[in-house]
Amino acid sequence: MSDETPETPAEPRAGEPIPTEPEDEVIAPAEPIADDTTTVVEGTSTAVEGAGPVIIESEPEQVVEAEPVSAEPVSDVAPAEEPVVPAPAQTVYVHAPVPPRKRGNRGIGALIALGSAIIFAALYAVVVFAVVPVFAPPRAVGFEFLDFISSSAFFVPVLVFAVGFILLVLVVNRGGWWAYILGSLVVGLFVYAVSIGILLLVNGIIGSTLNEGLRMLRSAVQSPVTIIAGIVAREVALWMGAAIAARGRRVKARNAEASAAYDRDTARARADYERAVAANASR
């Protein structure tokens, strides 16, 4: 225990102010520093351990919406004006005339040529009956003539004439009479030469000797029958060809009329088409 005694305060003297002890200063407790691990931030408020809840006001965030970016490249060039699409044109139907088919003279001409073969056969038999007696005995004329009209010497020239004349008609078609005048000569030579060749083959010239073949050839060439066949064939082809040529002229005239009518119809159809197109364009 210490020997020192506490000093007692001296009493104030009279007339002196009584000293007063200064009042204790109130010191605000220091705010504790919150540890990082004890601070919870949720939204705009902060919680501090050991202290009351402190609310920190903050300004609301401004949300700026981003403008959509176009995928198309940006160009400084102004877009060109869209072309004006014209209205679809209406289809115009115009009846087109059918071109005429040219008529020929081959069909009817061939029938006339085939009928001419009958005329040729009759004239051929009559001329042979009139000419052969001059070169044969009178009593044998009748017998040989009956054999003649039933032999190949009669039928072969008739068939050859029919074939030759039909071929001429097919070639000439709508030709004039001058074509049959020249063609009749060809038909006469054709009947004469081909008839000789066929008659020699029928009589067996192939199996004969050289001398016999030459004799048969000489006899056929000089035979009045084959000569008459060629002459009669030429005359029949000439005059029957005139009839065929006359029909050919009529066919050509009808074809010309049909062609002229077709041209008129075509011009009319073209004019109708142009008027329809003009009316459609003016709408």
Protein backbone atom coordinates (compact mmCIF):
# COMPACT_ATOMS: atom_id res chain seq x y z
CA MET A 1 0.00 0.00 0.00
CA SER A 2 1.47 3.35 -0.88
CA ASP A 3 2.29 5.99 1.70
CA GLU A 4 1.08 8.73 -0.55
CA THR A 5 -2.41 9.94 0.20
CA PRO A 6 -4.58 11.39 -2.35
CA GLU A 7 -4.69 15.06 -2.54
CA THR A 8 -8.02 16.60 -1.73
CA PRO A 9 -9.12 19.43 -3.81
CA ALA A 10 -8.73 22.76 -2.28
CA GLU A 11 -11.80 24.64 -1.48
CA PRO A 12 -12.34 27.67 -3.58
CA ARG A 13 -11.75 30.97 -2.12
CA ALA A 14 -14.38 33.52 -1.74
CA GLY A 15 -14.99 35.49 -4.78
CA GLU A 16 -13.32 32.96 -7.14
CA PRO A 17 -15.37 31.00 -9.55
CA ILE A 18 -15.86 27.44 -8.77
CA PRO A 19 -14.10 25.46 -11.50
CA THR A 20 -16.20 22.93 -13.08
CA GLU A 21 -14.98 19.76 -14.71
CA PRO A 22 -15.39 19.81 -18.32
CA GLU A 23 -18.11 17.55 -19.63
CA ASP A 24 -16.96 14.42 -21.21
CA GLU A 25 -16.96 14.72 -25.02
CA VAL A 26 -19.39 12.45 -26.67
CA ILE A 27 -17.51 10.61 -29.30
CA ALA A 28 -19.54 8.84 -31.89
CA PRO A 29 -18.55 5.30 -32.24
CA ALA A 30 -16.59 4.67 -35.33
CA GLU A 31 -18.32 2.75 -37.99
CA PRO A 32 -16.95 -0.72 -38.15
CA ILE A 33 -15.36 -1.60 -41.39
CA ALA A 34 -17.25 -4.41 -42.85
CA ASP A 35 -15.31 -7.41 -43.94
CA ASP A 36 -15.52 -8.38 -47.60
CA THR A 37 -16.89 -11.71 -46.60
CA THR A 38 -19.76 -10.19 -44.60
CA THR A 39 -21.04 -7.81 -47.24
CA VAL A 40 -24.00 -8.97 -49.31
CA VAL A 41 -25.01 -6.81 -52.19
CA GLU A 42 -28.40 -7.50 -53.63
CA GLY A 43 -29.69 -5.09 -56.12
CA THR A 44 -29.15 -1.58 -54.71
CA SER A 45 -28.97 -2.39 -50.91
CA THR A 46 -25.84 -3.25 -48.81
CA ALA A 47 -25.89 -5.20 -45.52
CA VAL A 48 -23.05 -4.56 -43.03
CA GLU A 49 -22.40 -6.92 -40.16
CA GLY A 50 -22.64 -5.26 -36.80
CA ALA A 51 -24.60 -2.29 -38.02
CA GLY A 52 -28.11 -1.57 -38.97
CA PRO A 53 -29.23 -2.03 -42.53
CA VAL A 54 -27.96 0.76 -44.65
CA ILE A 55 -29.89 1.44 -47.87
CA ILE A 56 -27.92 2.96 -50.68
CA GLU A 57 -30.05 4.53 -53.33
CA SER A 58 -28.78 4.36 -56.86
CA GLU A 59 -30.09 5.75 -60.05
CA PRO A 60 -31.94 3.23 -62.24
CA GLU A 61 -29.98 1.94 -65.17
CA GLN A 62 -31.08 3.19 -68.52
CA VAL A 63 -31.67 0.38 -70.99
CA VAL A 64 -30.93 1.39 -74.55
CA GLU A 65 -32.41 -0.85 -77.18
CA ALA A 66 -30.00 -1.62 -80.01
CA GLU A 67 -31.26 -0.91 -83.46
CA PRO A 68 -31.49 -4.01 -85.70
CA VAL A 69 -28.64 -4.22 -88.13
CA SER A 70 -29.66 -5.07 -91.68
CA ALA A 71 -27.84 -7.97 -93.34
CA GLU A 72 -27.87 -6.15 -96.64
CA PRO A 73 -24.78 -4.15 -97.48
CA VAL A 74 -25.15 -0.44 -96.99
CA SER A 75 -24.67 1.48 -100.15
CA ASP A 76 -24.53 5.18 -100.63
CA VAL A 77 -26.08 4.82 -104.07
CA ALA A 78 -29.78 5.48 -104.17
CA PRO A 79 -31.83 2.45 -105.26
CA ALA A 80 -32.86 2.49 -108.86
CA GLU A 81 -36.48 2.83 -109.71
CA GLU A 82 -38.29 -0.42 -110.33
CA PRO A 83 -39.10 -1.00 -114.01
CA VAL A 84 -42.69 -0.74 -114.95
CA VAL A 85 -43.94 -4.15 -115.97
CA PRO A 86 -46.42 -3.85 -118.82
CA ALA A 87 -49.68 -5.66 -118.58
CA PRO A 88 -49.68 -9.05 -120.26
CA ALA A 89 -50.95 -8.88 -123.80
CA GLN A 90 -53.99 -10.89 -124.69
CA THR A 91 -53.64 -13.69 -127.20
CA VAL A 92 -55.32 -12.98 -130.50
CA TYR A 93 -56.70 -15.94 -132.42
CA VAL A 94 -57.37 -15.57 -136.10
CA HIS A 95 -58.58 -18.38 -138.29
CA ALA A 96 -55.82 -19.06 -140.80
CA PRO A 97 -56.89 -20.39 -144.17
CA VAL A 98 -55.73 -23.85 -145.14
CA PRO A 99 -53.48 -23.86 -148.20
CA PRO A 100 -55.08 -25.72 -151.09
CA ARG A 101 -53.71 -29.04 -152.19
CA LYS A 102 -52.62 -29.01 -155.78
CA ARG A 103 -54.50 -31.54 -157.79
CA GLY A 104 -52.63 -33.73 -160.19
CA ASN A 105 -53.50 -35.51 -163.37
CA ARG A 106 -51.69 -38.76 -162.69
CA GLY A 107 -54.55 -40.81 -161.27
CA ILE A 108 -57.15 -40.10 -163.94
CA GLY A 109 -54.44 -40.03 -166.62
CA ALA A 110 -53.27 -43.52 -165.60
CA LEU A 111 -56.83 -44.81 -165.83
CA ILE A 112 -57.17 -43.25 -169.28
CA ALA A 113 -53.87 -44.83 -170.31
CA LEU A 114 -55.05 -48.20 -169.06
CA GLY A 115 -58.25 -47.83 -171.04
CA SER A 116 -56.16 -46.82 -174.04
CA ALA A 117 -54.58 -50.26 -173.96
CA ILE A 118 -57.96 -51.69 -175.03
CA ILE A 119 -58.08 -49.23 -177.92
CA PHE A 120 -54.54 -50.17 -178.83
CA ALA A 121 -55.42 -53.90 -178.78
CA ALA A 122 -58.38 -53.38 -181.10
CA LEU A 123 -56.47 -51.18 -183.55
CA TYR A 124 -53.48 -53.49 -183.43
CA ALA A 125 -55.60 -56.52 -184.35
CA VAL A 126 -57.40 -54.66 -187.16
CA VAL A 127 -54.19 -53.31 -188.70
CA VAL A 128 -52.53 -56.72 -188.52
CA PHE A 129 -55.60 -58.29 -190.17
CA ALA A 130 -55.40 -55.65 -192.91
CA VAL A 131 -51.64 -55.74 -193.52
CA VAL A 132 -50.64 -59.41 -193.02
CA PRO A 133 -52.58 -60.75 -196.07
CA VAL A 134 -50.28 -58.71 -198.26
CA PHE A 135 -47.32 -60.78 -197.04
CA ALA A 136 -49.07 -64.19 -196.63
CA PRO A 137 -51.12 -66.56 -198.88
CA PRO A 138 -54.84 -65.79 -198.90
CA ARG A 139 -55.96 -69.20 -197.61
CA ALA A 140 -53.58 -69.11 -194.64
CA VAL A 141 -54.52 -65.60 -193.56
CA GLY A 142 -57.60 -66.55 -191.57
CA PHE A 143 -55.91 -69.44 -189.80
CA GLU A 144 -52.83 -67.46 -188.92
CA PHE A 145 -54.92 -64.50 -187.73
CA LEU A 146 -56.89 -66.66 -185.28
CA ASP A 147 -53.65 -68.02 -183.97
CA PHE A 148 -52.28 -64.51 -183.75
CA ILE A 149 -54.94 -63.05 -181.42
CA SER A 150 -54.40 -65.96 -179.04
CA SER A 151 -50.59 -65.88 -179.13
CA SER A 152 -47.94 -63.98 -177.26
CA ALA A 153 -47.29 -61.86 -180.37
CA PHE A 154 -50.61 -60.12 -179.65
CA PHE A 155 -50.70 -59.90 -175.85
CA VAL A 156 -47.08 -58.89 -175.29
CA PRO A 157 -47.28 -55.57 -177.25
CA VAL A 158 -50.61 -54.77 -175.58
CA LEU A 159 -49.12 -55.19 -172.07
CA VAL A 160 -45.96 -53.30 -173.02
CA PHE A 161 -48.04 -50.42 -174.39
CA ALA A 162 -50.09 -50.17 -171.18
CA VAL A 163 -46.94 -50.01 -169.06
CA GLY A 164 -45.18 -47.51 -171.34
CA PHE A 165 -48.16 -45.17 -171.63
CA ILE A 166 -48.83 -45.19 -167.89
CA LEU A 167 -45.19 -44.28 -167.24
CA LEU A 168 -45.50 -41.39 -169.69
CA VAL A 169 -48.61 -40.09 -167.93
CA LEU A 170 -46.90 -40.25 -164.55
CA VAL A 171 -43.95 -38.26 -165.86
CA VAL A 172 -45.94 -35.62 -167.77
CA ASN A 173 -48.76 -35.23 -165.19
CA ARG A 174 -50.39 -31.86 -166.01
CA GLY A 175 -48.24 -31.22 -169.05
CA GLY A 176 -49.61 -29.98 -172.33
CA TRP A 177 -50.17 -31.85 -175.56
CA TRP A 178 -46.67 -31.06 -176.80
CA ALA A 179 -45.34 -33.33 -174.04
CA TYR A 180 -47.50 -36.20 -175.32
CA ILE A 181 -46.44 -35.51 -178.89
CA LEU A 182 -42.84 -36.09 -177.92
CA GLY A 183 -43.72 -38.82 -175.44
CA SER A 184 -45.71 -40.77 -178.00
CA LEU A 185 -42.52 -41.31 -180.01
CA VAL A 186 -40.87 -42.73 -176.90
CA VAL A 187 -43.87 -45.00 -176.28
CA GLY A 188 -43.78 -46.33 -179.88
CA LEU A 189 -40.06 -47.15 -179.67
CA PHE A 190 -40.56 -48.66 -176.22
CA VAL A 191 -43.33 -50.97 -177.45
CA TYR A 192 -41.34 -52.00 -180.51
CA ALA A 193 -38.03 -52.75 -178.70
CA VAL A 194 -39.41 -54.33 -175.54
CA SER A 195 -41.91 -56.47 -177.48
CA ILE A 196 -39.06 -57.86 -179.62
CA GLY A 197 -36.99 -58.67 -176.55
CA ILE A 198 -39.83 -60.40 -174.72
CA LEU A 199 -40.93 -62.39 -177.80
CA LEU A 200 -37.36 -63.60 -178.35
CA LEU A 201 -37.19 -64.77 -174.75
CA VAL A 202 -40.55 -66.51 -175.08
CA ASN A 203 -39.42 -68.26 -178.28
CA GLY A 204 -36.30 -69.59 -176.55
CA ILE A 205 -33.49 -67.49 -177.93
CA ILE A 206 -31.40 -68.18 -174.84
CA GLY A 207 -31.14 -71.93 -175.55
CA SER A 208 -30.45 -71.53 -179.26
CA THR A 209 -27.14 -71.39 -181.04
CA LEU A 210 -25.53 -68.21 -182.20
CA ASN A 211 -26.74 -68.59 -185.81
CA GLU A 212 -30.25 -69.43 -184.73
CA GLY A 213 -30.29 -66.50 -182.33
CA LEU A 214 -29.20 -64.09 -185.02
CA ARG A 215 -31.83 -65.47 -187.39
CA MET A 216 -34.56 -65.10 -184.77
CA LEU A 217 -33.44 -61.57 -183.99
CA ARG A 218 -33.44 -60.60 -187.67
CA SER A 219 -36.89 -62.08 -188.16
CA ALA A 220 -38.35 -60.25 -185.16
CA VAL A 221 -36.85 -56.90 -186.13
CA GLN A 222 -38.20 -57.20 -189.69
CA SER A 223 -41.54 -58.67 -188.67
CA PRO A 224 -44.51 -56.54 -189.80
CA VAL A 225 -46.33 -57.47 -186.60
CA THR A 226 -43.81 -55.78 -184.30
CA ILE A 227 -43.48 -52.81 -186.65
CA ILE A 228 -47.27 -52.37 -186.65
CA ALA A 229 -47.28 -52.61 -182.87
CA GLY A 230 -44.80 -49.71 -182.58
CA ILE A 231 -46.67 -47.52 -185.07
CA VAL A 232 -50.09 -48.14 -183.54
CA ALA A 233 -48.68 -47.53 -180.06
CA ARG A 234 -47.33 -44.17 -181.15
CA GLU A 235 -50.64 -43.04 -182.65
CA VAL A 236 -52.77 -44.16 -179.73
CA ALA A 237 -50.43 -42.47 -177.26
CA LEU A 238 -50.53 -39.28 -179.33
CA TRP A 239 -54.31 -38.90 -179.55
CA MET A 240 -55.20 -40.25 -176.15
CA GLY A 241 -52.46 -38.04 -174.77
CA ALA A 242 -54.35 -35.07 -176.23
CA ALA A 243 -57.39 -36.02 -174.13
CA ILE A 244 -55.24 -36.40 -171.02
CA ALA A 245 -53.56 -33.04 -171.70
CA ALA A 246 -56.97 -31.36 -172.03
CA ARG A 247 -57.93 -32.61 -168.60
CA GLY A 248 -54.54 -31.44 -167.33
CA ARG A 249 -55.34 -27.91 -168.49
CA ARG A 250 -58.60 -27.96 -166.54
CA VAL A 251 -56.80 -29.21 -163.45
CA LYS A 252 -54.23 -26.41 -163.75
CA ALA A 253 -57.02 -23.82 -164.07
CA ARG A 254 -58.72 -25.14 -160.92
CA ASN A 255 -55.42 -25.09 -159.06
CA ALA A 256 -54.88 -21.49 -160.12
CA GLU A 257 -58.35 -20.52 -158.88
CA ALA A 258 -57.78 -22.28 -155.57
CA SER A 259 -54.40 -20.56 -155.17
CA ALA A 260 -55.94 -17.14 -155.88
CA ALA A 261 -58.71 -17.80 -153.35
CA TYR A 262 -56.12 -18.85 -150.79
CA ASP A 263 -54.18 -15.63 -151.34
CA ARG A 264 -57.34 -13.59 -150.84
CA ASP A 265 -58.24 -15.46 -147.67
CA THR A 266 -54.67 -15.07 -146.36
CA ALA A 267 -54.73 -11.32 -146.96
CA ARG A 268 -58.12 -11.05 -145.25
CA ALA A 269 -56.90 -13.09 -142.26
CA ARG A 270 -53.75 -10.95 -141.98
CA ALA A 271 -55.85 -7.78 -142.00
CA ASP A 272 -58.14 -9.17 -139.28
CA TYR A 273 -55.09 -10.09 -137.21
CA GLU A 274 -53.58 -6.61 -137.49
CA ARG A 275 -56.88 -5.00 -136.49
CA ALA A 276 -57.18 -7.32 -133.49
CA VAL A 277 -53.61 -6.57 -132.39
CA ALA A 278 -54.18 -2.82 -132.70
CA ALA A 279 -57.40 -3.05 -130.69
CA ASN A 280 -55.66 -5.10 -128.01
CA ALA A 281 -52.78 -2.62 -127.77
CA SER A 282 -55.13 0.34 -127.39
CA ARG A 283 -56.79 -1.13 -124.28
